[in-house]
């Protein structure tokens, strides 16, 4: 079963790393994705799981490929292993 808290952390960590790889500020990405920067910050910190539409806007703003969700799941599995140590 999927642990929602771990998934939120994995998703947030993944999105934040992709944003930083592209040298974008949180505010700039939020503007491009047409979402509130405070909301994006909560998503990146793993405090909130975004609605599908919001996630789609972020993914599009970051120009991520269709392999994005596989990478998010790998991040989730990594966090799950860390938690079990």
N, C-alpha and C. Protein backbone atom coordinates (compact mmCIF):
# COMPACT_ATOMS: atom_id res chain seq x y z
N UNK A 1 0.84 -1.18 0.00
CA UNK A 1 0.00 0.00 0.00
C UNK A 1 0.89 1.25 0.00
N UNK A 2 0.46 2.25 -0.71
CA UNK A 2 1.20 3.50 -0.84
C UNK A 2 1.05 4.33 0.42
N UNK A 3 2.15 4.72 1.00
CA UNK A 3 2.16 5.60 2.16
C UNK A 3 2.06 7.04 1.64
N UNK A 4 0.96 7.73 1.94
CA UNK A 4 0.73 9.07 1.39
C UNK A 4 1.79 10.08 1.82
N UNK A 5 2.23 10.00 3.08
CA UNK A 5 3.25 10.94 3.55
C UNK A 5 4.57 10.75 2.80
N UNK A 6 4.96 9.49 2.62
CA UNK A 6 6.20 9.23 1.88
C UNK A 6 6.06 9.63 0.42
N UNK A 7 4.89 9.38 -0.16
CA UNK A 7 4.67 9.77 -1.55
C UNK A 7 4.78 11.29 -1.69
N UNK A 8 4.17 12.02 -0.76
CA UNK A 8 4.24 13.49 -0.81
C UNK A 8 5.68 13.97 -0.73
N UNK A 9 6.48 13.35 0.14
CA UNK A 9 7.90 13.71 0.26
C UNK A 9 8.66 13.37 -1.02
N UNK A 10 8.41 12.18 -1.56
CA UNK A 10 9.11 11.76 -2.78
C UNK A 10 8.76 12.68 -3.94
N UNK A 11 7.49 13.00 -4.09
CA UNK A 11 7.06 13.89 -5.16
C UNK A 11 7.68 15.26 -4.99
N UNK A 12 7.61 15.78 -3.78
CA UNK A 12 8.17 17.11 -3.52
C UNK A 12 9.66 17.17 -3.76
N UNK A 13 10.37 16.16 -3.29
CA UNK A 13 11.83 16.11 -3.49
C UNK A 13 12.15 16.04 -4.98
N UNK A 14 11.43 15.20 -5.70
CA UNK A 14 11.66 15.06 -7.14
C UNK A 14 11.43 16.38 -7.86
N UNK A 15 10.30 17.03 -7.59
CA UNK A 15 9.98 18.28 -8.28
C UNK A 15 10.99 19.38 -7.93
N UNK A 16 11.38 19.45 -6.67
CA UNK A 16 12.35 20.47 -6.26
C UNK A 16 13.70 20.25 -6.96
N UNK A 17 14.15 19.01 -7.02
CA UNK A 17 15.43 18.73 -7.70
C UNK A 17 15.37 19.09 -9.17
N UNK A 18 14.25 18.76 -9.83
CA UNK A 18 14.12 19.11 -11.25
C UNK A 18 14.12 20.63 -11.43
N UNK A 19 13.44 21.35 -10.53
CA UNK A 19 13.42 22.81 -10.61
C UNK A 19 14.82 23.38 -10.44
N UNK A 20 15.55 22.89 -9.45
CA UNK A 20 16.91 23.38 -9.21
C UNK A 20 17.85 23.04 -10.35
N UNK A 21 17.68 21.87 -10.95
CA UNK A 21 18.50 21.49 -12.11
C UNK A 21 18.32 22.48 -13.26
N UNK A 22 17.14 23.08 -13.33
CA UNK A 22 16.84 24.05 -14.38
C UNK A 22 17.11 25.49 -13.95
N UNK A 23 17.74 25.64 -12.78
CA UNK A 23 18.08 26.96 -12.24
C UNK A 23 16.88 27.89 -12.17
N UNK A 24 15.74 27.35 -11.76
CA UNK A 24 14.54 28.16 -11.61
C UNK A 24 14.27 28.41 -10.13
N UNK A 25 13.83 29.60 -9.83
CA UNK A 25 13.39 29.87 -8.46
C UNK A 25 11.99 29.29 -8.29
N UNK A 26 11.63 29.11 -7.05
CA UNK A 26 10.29 28.62 -6.74
C UNK A 26 9.25 29.59 -7.30
N UNK A 27 9.50 30.88 -7.13
CA UNK A 27 8.56 31.90 -7.61
C UNK A 27 8.42 31.86 -9.12
N UNK A 28 9.53 31.68 -9.84
CA UNK A 28 9.49 31.64 -11.30
C UNK A 28 8.70 30.43 -11.80
N UNK A 29 8.98 29.26 -11.21
CA UNK A 29 8.25 28.06 -11.63
C UNK A 29 6.76 28.20 -11.33
N UNK A 30 6.44 28.73 -10.17
CA UNK A 30 5.03 28.93 -9.82
C UNK A 30 4.35 29.84 -10.84
N UNK A 31 5.04 30.88 -11.25
CA UNK A 31 4.48 31.80 -12.24
C UNK A 31 4.26 31.11 -13.59
N UNK A 32 5.24 30.34 -14.03
CA UNK A 32 5.12 29.62 -15.31
C UNK A 32 3.98 28.61 -15.25
N UNK A 33 3.85 27.93 -14.10
CA UNK A 33 2.82 26.89 -13.93
C UNK A 33 1.45 27.47 -13.58
N UNK A 34 1.40 28.79 -13.37
CA UNK A 34 0.14 29.46 -13.01
C UNK A 34 -0.45 28.93 -11.71
N UNK A 35 0.45 28.78 -10.71
CA UNK A 35 0.00 28.37 -9.38
C UNK A 35 0.63 29.30 -8.35
N UNK A 36 0.12 29.28 -7.15
CA UNK A 36 0.62 30.10 -6.06
C UNK A 36 1.97 29.57 -5.58
N UNK A 37 2.94 30.48 -5.35
CA UNK A 37 4.26 30.03 -4.92
C UNK A 37 4.24 29.39 -3.54
N UNK A 38 3.35 29.82 -2.67
CA UNK A 38 3.23 29.20 -1.34
C UNK A 38 2.74 27.76 -1.49
N UNK A 39 1.80 27.54 -2.38
CA UNK A 39 1.29 26.20 -2.65
C UNK A 39 2.40 25.31 -3.20
N UNK A 40 3.18 25.83 -4.13
CA UNK A 40 4.30 25.07 -4.69
C UNK A 40 5.32 24.74 -3.60
N UNK A 41 5.58 25.67 -2.71
CA UNK A 41 6.50 25.42 -1.61
C UNK A 41 6.02 24.27 -0.72
N UNK A 42 4.72 24.25 -0.42
CA UNK A 42 4.16 23.16 0.39
C UNK A 42 4.28 21.82 -0.34
N UNK A 43 4.09 21.84 -1.64
CA UNK A 43 4.22 20.61 -2.43
C UNK A 43 5.68 20.13 -2.40
N UNK A 44 6.62 21.04 -2.62
CA UNK A 44 8.04 20.67 -2.63
C UNK A 44 8.53 20.16 -1.27
N UNK A 45 7.96 20.67 -0.20
CA UNK A 45 8.35 20.21 1.14
C UNK A 45 7.64 18.92 1.54
N UNK A 46 6.75 18.44 0.70
CA UNK A 46 6.03 17.20 0.99
C UNK A 46 4.90 17.39 1.97
N UNK A 47 4.47 18.63 2.15
CA UNK A 47 3.37 18.92 3.07
C UNK A 47 2.01 18.75 2.42
N UNK A 48 2.00 18.69 1.10
CA UNK A 48 0.73 18.64 0.37
C UNK A 48 0.91 17.83 -0.91
N UNK A 49 -0.08 17.00 -1.21
CA UNK A 49 -0.11 16.30 -2.49
C UNK A 49 -0.99 17.13 -3.42
N UNK A 50 -0.46 17.54 -4.56
CA UNK A 50 -1.25 18.40 -5.44
C UNK A 50 -2.38 17.65 -6.14
N UNK A 51 -3.40 18.40 -6.52
CA UNK A 51 -4.45 17.83 -7.36
C UNK A 51 -3.82 17.50 -8.72
N UNK A 52 -4.45 16.62 -9.44
CA UNK A 52 -3.91 16.17 -10.74
C UNK A 52 -3.65 17.34 -11.67
N UNK A 53 -4.58 18.28 -11.73
CA UNK A 53 -4.43 19.42 -12.63
C UNK A 53 -3.21 20.27 -12.25
N UNK A 54 -3.02 20.49 -10.96
CA UNK A 54 -1.88 21.27 -10.49
C UNK A 54 -0.57 20.54 -10.80
N UNK A 55 -0.54 19.25 -10.57
CA UNK A 55 0.65 18.47 -10.88
C UNK A 55 0.96 18.54 -12.37
N UNK A 56 -0.06 18.44 -13.19
CA UNK A 56 0.12 18.53 -14.64
C UNK A 56 0.72 19.88 -15.01
N UNK A 57 0.25 20.95 -14.40
CA UNK A 57 0.78 22.29 -14.69
C UNK A 57 2.26 22.37 -14.32
N UNK A 58 2.63 21.80 -13.19
CA UNK A 58 4.03 21.82 -12.75
C UNK A 58 4.89 20.99 -13.71
N UNK A 59 4.43 19.80 -14.03
CA UNK A 59 5.17 18.91 -14.94
C UNK A 59 5.38 19.59 -16.30
N UNK A 60 4.35 20.23 -16.80
CA UNK A 60 4.46 20.93 -18.09
C UNK A 60 5.44 22.11 -17.98
N UNK A 61 5.37 22.86 -16.89
CA UNK A 61 6.26 24.01 -16.71
C UNK A 61 7.72 23.58 -16.61
N UNK A 62 7.96 22.37 -16.10
CA UNK A 62 9.32 21.85 -15.99
C UNK A 62 9.76 21.09 -17.25
N UNK A 63 8.86 20.97 -18.22
CA UNK A 63 9.15 20.24 -19.46
C UNK A 63 9.61 18.81 -19.20
N UNK A 64 8.92 18.15 -18.28
CA UNK A 64 9.29 16.78 -17.94
C UNK A 64 8.72 15.80 -18.95
N UNK A 65 9.39 14.67 -19.09
CA UNK A 65 8.99 13.66 -20.07
C UNK A 65 7.97 12.70 -19.49
N UNK A 66 7.53 11.76 -20.30
CA UNK A 66 6.55 10.78 -19.85
C UNK A 66 7.13 9.76 -18.88
N UNK A 67 8.42 9.80 -18.62
CA UNK A 67 9.03 8.89 -17.64
C UNK A 67 9.04 9.49 -16.24
N UNK A 68 8.46 10.65 -16.11
CA UNK A 68 8.45 11.37 -14.83
C UNK A 68 7.91 10.52 -13.69
N UNK A 69 6.79 9.87 -13.89
CA UNK A 69 6.18 9.14 -12.79
C UNK A 69 6.99 7.91 -12.39
N UNK A 70 7.70 7.31 -13.31
CA UNK A 70 8.62 6.22 -12.94
C UNK A 70 9.72 6.74 -12.03
N UNK A 71 10.21 7.93 -12.30
CA UNK A 71 11.25 8.53 -11.47
C UNK A 71 10.71 8.88 -10.10
N UNK A 72 9.48 9.37 -10.04
CA UNK A 72 8.86 9.69 -8.75
C UNK A 72 8.69 8.41 -7.93
N UNK A 73 8.27 7.33 -8.57
CA UNK A 73 8.11 6.07 -7.85
C UNK A 73 9.45 5.54 -7.34
N UNK A 74 10.52 5.74 -8.10
CA UNK A 74 11.86 5.34 -7.64
C UNK A 74 12.25 6.15 -6.41
N UNK A 75 11.94 7.44 -6.42
CA UNK A 75 12.23 8.29 -5.27
C UNK A 75 11.43 7.82 -4.06
N UNK A 76 10.18 7.44 -4.29
CA UNK A 76 9.33 6.92 -3.21
C UNK A 76 9.94 5.65 -2.61
N UNK A 77 10.36 4.73 -3.47
CA UNK A 77 10.97 3.48 -2.99
C UNK A 77 12.24 3.76 -2.20
N UNK A 78 13.02 4.74 -2.64
CA UNK A 78 14.24 5.11 -1.93
C UNK A 78 13.91 5.65 -0.53
N UNK A 79 12.92 6.50 -0.43
CA UNK A 79 12.51 7.03 0.87
C UNK A 79 11.95 5.93 1.76
N UNK A 80 11.24 5.00 1.16
CA UNK A 80 10.67 3.88 1.92
C UNK A 80 11.80 3.05 2.54
N UNK A 81 12.85 2.81 1.76
CA UNK A 81 14.00 2.05 2.26
C UNK A 81 14.70 2.82 3.38
N UNK A 82 14.87 4.14 3.20
CA UNK A 82 15.51 4.97 4.24
C UNK A 82 14.72 4.90 5.54
N UNK A 83 13.40 4.95 5.43
CA UNK A 83 12.55 4.93 6.61
C UNK A 83 12.64 3.60 7.34
N UNK A 84 12.85 2.51 6.61
CA UNK A 84 12.91 1.18 7.21
C UNK A 84 14.28 0.85 7.79
N UNK A 85 15.24 1.71 7.61
CA UNK A 85 16.59 1.45 8.13
C UNK A 85 16.66 1.70 9.61
